[in-house]
C-alpha atoms as a PDB file:
ATOM      1  CA  UNK A   1       0.000   0.000   0.000  1.00  0.00           C
ATOM      2  CA  UNK A   2       2.830   2.407   0.822  1.00  0.00           C
ATOM      3  CA  UNK A   3       4.364   1.740  -2.575  1.00  0.00           C
ATOM      4  CA  UNK A   4       1.208   2.952  -4.351  1.00  0.00           C
ATOM      5  CA  UNK A   5       1.022   6.063  -2.164  1.00  0.00           C
ATOM      6  CA  UNK A   6       4.701   6.814  -2.789  1.00  0.00           C
ATOM      7  CA  UNK A   7       4.346   6.336  -6.547  1.00  0.00           C
ATOM      8  CA  UNK A   8       1.289   8.619  -6.716  1.00  0.00           C
ATOM      9  CA  UNK A   9       2.949  11.280  -4.544  1.00  0.00           C
ATOM     10  CA  UNK A  10       6.139  11.317  -6.601  1.00  0.00           C
ATOM     11  CA  UNK A  11       4.016  11.294  -9.762  1.00  0.00           C
ATOM     12  CA  UNK A  12       2.110  14.312  -8.457  1.00  0.00           C
ATOM     13  CA  UNK A  13       5.358  16.216  -7.924  1.00  0.00           C
ATOM     14  CA  UNK A  14       6.770  15.186 -11.305  1.00  0.00           C
ATOM     15  CA  UNK A  15       3.522  15.993 -13.117  1.00  0.00           C
ATOM     16  CA  UNK A  16       3.271  19.397 -11.432  1.00  0.00           C
ATOM     17  CA  UNK A  17       6.816  20.272 -12.477  1.00  0.00           C
ATOM     18  CA  UNK A  18       6.074  19.179 -16.060  1.00  0.00           C
ATOM     19  CA  UNK A  19       2.873  21.262 -16.120  1.00  0.00           C
ATOM     20  CA  UNK A  20       4.828  24.264 -14.822  1.00  0.00           C
ATOM     21  CA  UNK A  21       7.464  23.869 -17.561  1.00  0.00           C
ATOM     22  CA  UNK A  22       4.983  23.528 -20.446  1.00  0.00           C
ATOM     23  CA  UNK A  23       2.319  26.189 -20.769  1.00  0.00           C
ATOM     24  CA  UNK A  24      -1.063  25.533 -22.302  1.00  0.00           C
ATOM     25  CA  UNK A  25      -3.902  23.108 -21.719  1.00  0.00           C
ATOM     26  CA  UNK A  26      -3.162  20.215 -19.409  1.00  0.00           C
ATOM     27  CA  UNK A  27      -5.162  17.713 -17.373  1.00  0.00           C
ATOM     28  CA  UNK A  28      -6.747  19.443 -14.366  1.00  0.00           C
ATOM     29  CA  UNK A  29      -6.764  18.068 -10.847  1.00  0.00           C
ATOM     30  CA  UNK A  30      -4.458  16.149  -8.551  1.00  0.00           C
ATOM     31  CA  UNK A  31      -5.169  12.625  -9.786  1.00  0.00           C
ATOM     32  CA  UNK A  32      -4.676  13.352 -13.525  1.00  0.00           C
ATOM     33  CA  UNK A  33      -1.489  15.261 -12.662  1.00  0.00           C
ATOM     34  CA  UNK A  34      -0.241  12.287 -10.640  1.00  0.00           C
ATOM     35  CA  UNK A  35      -1.012   9.908 -13.517  1.00  0.00           C
ATOM     36  CA  UNK A  36       0.811  12.269 -15.877  1.00  0.00           C
ATOM     37  CA  UNK A  37       3.853  12.116 -13.616  1.00  0.00           C
ATOM     38  CA  UNK A  38       3.698   8.326 -13.258  1.00  0.00           C
ATOM     39  CA  UNK A  39       3.397   7.882 -17.033  1.00  0.00           C
ATOM     40  CA  UNK A  40       6.255  10.332 -17.514  1.00  0.00           C
ATOM     41  CA  UNK A  41       8.366   8.407 -15.044  1.00  0.00           C
ATOM     42  CA  UNK A  42       7.762   5.193 -16.969  1.00  0.00           C
ATOM     43  CA  UNK A  43       8.612   6.863 -20.283  1.00  0.00           C
ATOM     44  CA  UNK A  44      11.667   8.627 -18.852  1.00  0.00           C
ATOM     45  CA  UNK A  45      12.895   5.474 -17.134  1.00  0.00           C
ATOM     46  CA  UNK A  46      12.489   3.442 -20.306  1.00  0.00           C
ATOM     47  CA  UNK A  47      14.323   6.030 -22.403  1.00  0.00           C
ATOM     48  CA  UNK A  48      17.069   6.318 -19.776  1.00  0.00           C
ATOM     49  CA  UNK A  49      17.517   2.566 -19.748  1.00  0.00           C
ATOM     50  CA  UNK A  50      17.691   2.427 -23.555  1.00  0.00           C
ATOM     51  CA  UNK A  51      20.145   5.315 -23.834  1.00  0.00           C
ATOM     52  CA  UNK A  52      22.372   4.804 -20.799  1.00  0.00           C
ATOM     53  CA  UNK A  53      21.824   1.220 -19.655  1.00  0.00           C
ATOM     54  CA  UNK A  54      21.057   2.195 -16.024  1.00  0.00           C
ATOM     55  CA  UNK A  55      18.667   0.112 -13.954  1.00  0.00           C
ATOM     56  CA  UNK A  56      17.699  -0.504 -10.319  1.00  0.00           C
ATOM     57  CA  UNK A  57      20.986  -2.290  -9.636  1.00  0.00           C
ATOM     58  CA  UNK A  58      22.649   1.151  -9.822  1.00  0.00           C
ATOM     59  CA  UNK A  59      20.494   2.479  -6.952  1.00  0.00           C
ATOM     60  CA  UNK A  60      16.818   3.199  -6.532  1.00  0.00           C
ATOM     61  CA  UNK A  61      17.037   6.947  -5.978  1.00  0.00           C
ATOM     62  CA  UNK A  62      19.052   8.944  -8.486  1.00  0.00           C
ATOM     63  CA  UNK A  63      18.903  12.628  -9.366  1.00  0.00           C
ATOM     64  CA  UNK A  64      19.053  11.711 -13.032  1.00  0.00           C
ATOM     65  CA  UNK A  65      15.914   9.631 -12.498  1.00  0.00           C
ATOM     66  CA  UNK A  66      13.994  12.703 -11.373  1.00  0.00           C
ATOM     67  CA  UNK A  67      15.113  14.683 -14.416  1.00  0.00           C
ATOM     68  CA  UNK A  68      14.283  11.712 -16.648  1.00  0.00           C
ATOM     69  CA  UNK A  69      10.830  11.505 -15.089  1.00  0.00           C
ATOM     70  CA  UNK A  70      10.206  15.208 -15.678  1.00  0.00           C
ATOM     71  CA  UNK A  71      11.441  14.883 -19.274  1.00  0.00           C
ATOM     72  CA  UNK A  72       9.152  11.888 -19.816  1.00  0.00           C
ATOM     73  CA  UNK A  73       6.206  13.751 -18.269  1.00  0.00           C
ATOM     74  CA  UNK A  74       6.828  16.691 -20.598  1.00  0.00           C
ATOM     75  CA  UNK A  75       6.801  14.284 -23.552  1.00  0.00           C
ATOM     76  CA  UNK A  76       3.575  12.667 -22.336  1.00  0.00           C
ATOM     77  CA  UNK A  77       2.015  16.113 -21.831  1.00  0.00           C
ATOM     78  CA  UNK A  78       2.974  17.192 -25.363  1.00  0.00           C
ATOM     79  CA  UNK A  79       1.486  13.992 -26.805  1.00  0.00           C
ATOM     80  CA  UNK A  80      -1.673  14.530 -24.728  1.00  0.00           C
ATOM     81  CA  UNK A  81      -1.950  18.076 -26.004  1.00  0.00           C
ATOM     82  CA  UNK A  82      -1.455  17.044 -29.635  1.00  0.00           C
ATOM     83  CA  UNK A  83      -4.158  14.363 -29.310  1.00  0.00           C
ATOM     84  CA  UNK A  84      -6.572  16.733 -27.521  1.00  0.00           C
ATOM     85  CA  UNK A  85      -6.410  19.411 -30.239  1.00  0.00           C
ATOM     86  CA  UNK A  86      -7.393  17.053 -33.065  1.00  0.00           C
END
């Protein structure tokens, strides 16, 4: 249970940072922002693994992971915005 709460809380922070970096329409509310951050974390983690070969064996908490999560959330937000305008 604590894992889910931690993931949603970190997703909320990551999604809020991504929404602050990218202006324009974005999902409103805490839960959609948290899901944006969680999806961004998955995308950023996947891209980081493909590009740099890092995984959980290198440590669970890394500063680069936060930046990768924000980058992934920005990508997810841009895709959301492009799909919402069509």
